[in-house]
Amino acid sequence: MEWVETTAATIEEAKNLALDQLGIAEDDAEFEVIDEPKQGLFGRTRGEARVRARIRPTSPRAKNERRERGAKSASRRPGARPADEPRPRRESSTRPPRERKPRAERPDTDDDGARQDRADQPKVEAATVSAAAATFLEGILKAAGLTGNVVATIDNDDIDIQVNGDDLNVFVGQRGATLMAVQDLTRVVSQRRLGDHETHLRVDMGSYRERRREALGRFSLKVAAEVLASGEPRALEAMNSADRKIIHDTLADAEGIATRSEGEDPQRRVVVVPA
């Protein structure tokens, strides 16, 4: 997952902007603080907070587990040495050790240089990105033999594109999985192709996101009431990062309730606990 970069008056506001752009909860994100506001004269602050963020990478399987599975596979092969049998000792070699050659130094790829190169590039207008995204989505509708219209709303660097029409469920999929894939493709053919690093692009089909947000909001409030009544934590079903963010945001100000995410994607889930 690529990094996104946001600026704001404070680090916390910059982080929140990055979370909104990524569509995930804070515990699913990885942050790097690039710049902090500096204290000036008379208590005033100078400069802005700049933050990089991305979806936290899934942890690789532990080495012990890989070694264990490899040993089990080997034990099933014909003529394989049993796991509990000691490994035969190698005879010491009289050959002199091979001299190691120094590793070639890697070229300097400092992030500050990459950010400087990006800053030198001309900014792509949000209207240009929006038009490219709308053309791509109209082409998807035509290729699928569906009729509909694409409406784009631009608010500074925020681009929200709503696709309206009938039989759009084919582009939504189970719990919005297909919609997320369509959104990723739209970002590639508009933002990445144009070299845009500033806009925040979101795609919705048939108002699915709004309906999903309302349904998850009602569900999370119901679960919170049950947790308060029983005093016992409750783990919800596995969800994608966007749905988990809705749960966290809905219950953020709930009295006596706290939420956290547990597990690894795609089985990561929200746990609602008494505060």
Foldseek 3Di string as FASTA:
>chain_A
DDKAKAKDAAPVVRLVVRCVLQLFDPVQKDKDWDDGWDQDPPRDTDDITMMIMDGDDFDDDDPVVVVVVVLVVQVPDPPRDHPPDDDDDDDDDPDDDDDDDDDDDDDDPDVVVVVVVLVPDDADDLVQLQVQLQVVVVVVCVVVVFDWHWDWDDDRQEIEIETDGPPCVVCQPDQRPSVVVSQVVSCCRRCVVVVHRRHRYHYYYNCPVVVLLVVLLVVLVVVLVVCVVVQAKDKDFFDDRNSVNSSQVSCVPPPQKHKDWDDGPPRITIIIHGD
